[in-house]
Amino acid sequence: DVQLQASGGGLVPPGGSVRLSCAATGFHFSTYVMMWYRQAPGKEIEWISSITAGGLGRTYADSVQGRFTISRDNAKNTLFLQMNSLKPEDTAVYYCGKSGSRGQGTQVTVSS
């Protein structure tokens, strides 16, 4: 079975940084485009970033462009999201996913 488990969230002050990880099992990770999503309280889920299978192609939502960086380690079946210059509006549950699957999320709260 496909399993995607995000981790690394927590309480972060405005302007701070956090690095999320996503451990992937049950599929051939290195052949899939991978994505990060988030869902803020009371809002619909939002796509925020994608990375190609080999890791060279990366795209971002305007809301995180220049602040977040997606990366992957295909040898370890792990996806990452480096989040810098965090704002209170980045508060959300963050999920990793691939086509047809989205895993367990991790809460990121940006607050002083």
Protein backbone atom coordinates (compact mmCIF):
# COMPACT_ATOMS: atom_id res chain seq x y z
CA ASP A 1 0.00 0.00 0.00
CA VAL A 2 1.07 3.56 -0.69
CA GLN A 3 2.05 5.37 2.49
CA LEU A 4 3.08 8.99 2.76
CA GLN A 5 3.90 10.34 6.19
CA ALA A 6 4.77 13.99 6.66
CA SER A 7 6.69 15.14 9.72
CA GLY A 8 8.65 18.09 11.04
CA GLY A 9 5.89 20.57 11.78
CA GLY A 10 5.42 22.53 14.94
CA LEU A 11 5.12 26.02 16.38
CA VAL A 12 7.34 28.54 14.60
CA PRO A 13 7.64 32.31 15.15
CA PRO A 14 6.94 34.69 12.28
CA GLY A 15 10.03 34.97 10.13
CA GLY A 16 11.23 31.57 11.24
CA SER A 17 12.05 28.44 9.31
CA VAL A 18 11.10 24.80 9.39
CA ARG A 19 11.92 21.77 7.27
CA LEU A 20 9.24 19.22 6.57
CA SER A 21 9.97 15.64 5.54
CA CYS A 22 7.77 13.04 3.90
CA ALA A 23 8.63 9.38 4.07
CA ALA A 24 7.25 7.41 1.14
CA THR A 25 6.69 3.66 0.97
CA GLY A 26 4.72 1.21 -1.13
CA PHE A 27 5.54 2.59 -4.59
CA HIS A 28 8.49 3.37 -6.83
CA PHE A 29 9.17 6.81 -5.38
CA SER A 30 11.91 7.83 -7.81
CA THR A 31 9.59 7.60 -10.81
CA TYR A 32 6.86 9.92 -9.53
CA VAL A 33 6.29 13.64 -9.55
CA MET A 34 5.71 14.58 -5.92
CA MET A 35 3.77 17.46 -4.42
CA TRP A 36 3.19 19.38 -1.22
CA TYR A 37 -0.24 20.67 -0.28
CA ARG A 38 -1.61 22.53 2.69
CA GLN A 39 -4.97 23.17 4.27
CA ALA A 40 -5.50 26.17 6.49
CA PRO A 41 -8.31 26.24 9.04
CA GLY A 42 -11.65 26.77 7.32
CA LYS A 43 -10.11 26.75 3.84
CA GLU A 44 -9.86 24.31 0.97
CA ILE A 45 -6.73 22.33 0.37
CA GLU A 46 -4.12 24.24 -1.64
CA TRP A 47 -1.34 22.92 -3.86
CA ILE A 48 1.92 24.68 -3.03
CA SER A 49 4.76 22.89 -4.82
CA SER A 50 5.74 20.06 -7.16
CA ILE A 51 9.02 18.39 -8.06
CA THR A 52 9.76 16.13 -11.01
CA ALA A 53 10.87 12.55 -10.57
CA GLY A 54 14.54 13.36 -11.05
CA GLY A 55 14.36 16.49 -8.93
CA LEU A 56 15.41 19.01 -11.53
CA GLY A 57 12.02 20.57 -12.20
CA ARG A 58 10.32 22.50 -9.40
CA THR A 59 7.21 24.66 -9.39
CA TYR A 60 5.63 26.73 -6.67
CA ALA A 61 2.41 28.53 -5.90
CA ASP A 62 2.73 32.30 -5.92
CA SER A 63 1.98 32.36 -2.21
CA VAL A 64 5.23 30.51 -1.36
CA GLN A 65 7.50 31.34 -4.31
CA GLY A 66 10.88 32.56 -3.10
CA ARG A 67 10.31 31.38 0.48
CA PHE A 68 9.80 27.62 0.19
CA THR A 69 12.07 25.06 -1.48
CA ILE A 70 11.02 21.55 -2.43
CA SER A 71 13.60 18.79 -2.75
CA ARG A 72 13.85 15.02 -2.68
CA ASP A 73 16.25 12.22 -1.88
CA ASN A 74 15.34 9.32 -4.15
CA ALA A 75 17.86 7.02 -2.45
CA LYS A 76 15.96 7.46 0.82
CA ASN A 77 12.43 7.73 -0.65
CA THR A 78 11.99 11.06 1.09
CA LEU A 79 10.51 14.37 0.04
CA PHE A 80 11.37 17.67 1.74
CA LEU A 81 9.97 21.16 2.03
CA GLN A 82 12.24 23.90 3.39
CA MET A 83 10.06 26.75 4.59
CA ASN A 84 11.68 30.12 5.29
CA SER A 85 10.38 33.58 6.17
CA LEU A 86 7.23 32.04 7.57
CA LYS A 87 4.11 34.15 7.99
CA PRO A 88 1.03 33.59 10.15
CA GLU A 89 -0.94 32.87 6.98
CA ASP A 90 1.30 29.85 6.38
CA THR A 91 -0.38 28.18 9.35
CA ALA A 92 -1.90 24.95 8.02
CA VAL A 93 -1.71 21.20 7.94
CA TYR A 94 0.88 20.27 5.34
CA TYR A 95 0.57 17.12 3.26
CA CYS A 96 2.78 15.41 0.74
CA GLY A 97 1.32 13.55 -2.18
CA LYS A 98 1.60 12.02 -5.59
CA SER A 99 -0.96 11.48 -8.29
CA GLY A 100 -3.90 9.72 -6.68
CA SER A 101 -2.54 9.71 -3.14
CA ARG A 102 -2.09 12.14 -0.29
CA GLY A 103 -0.65 11.14 3.04
CA GLN A 104 -0.95 12.03 6.69
CA GLY A 105 -0.25 15.69 7.32
CA THR A 106 1.83 17.64 9.80
CA GLN A 107 0.67 20.82 11.51
CA VAL A 108 2.66 24.01 11.09
CA THR A 109 1.61 26.93 13.25
CA VAL A 110 3.26 30.30 12.73
CA SER A 111 2.70 32.48 15.74
CA SER A 112 4.58 34.53 18.28
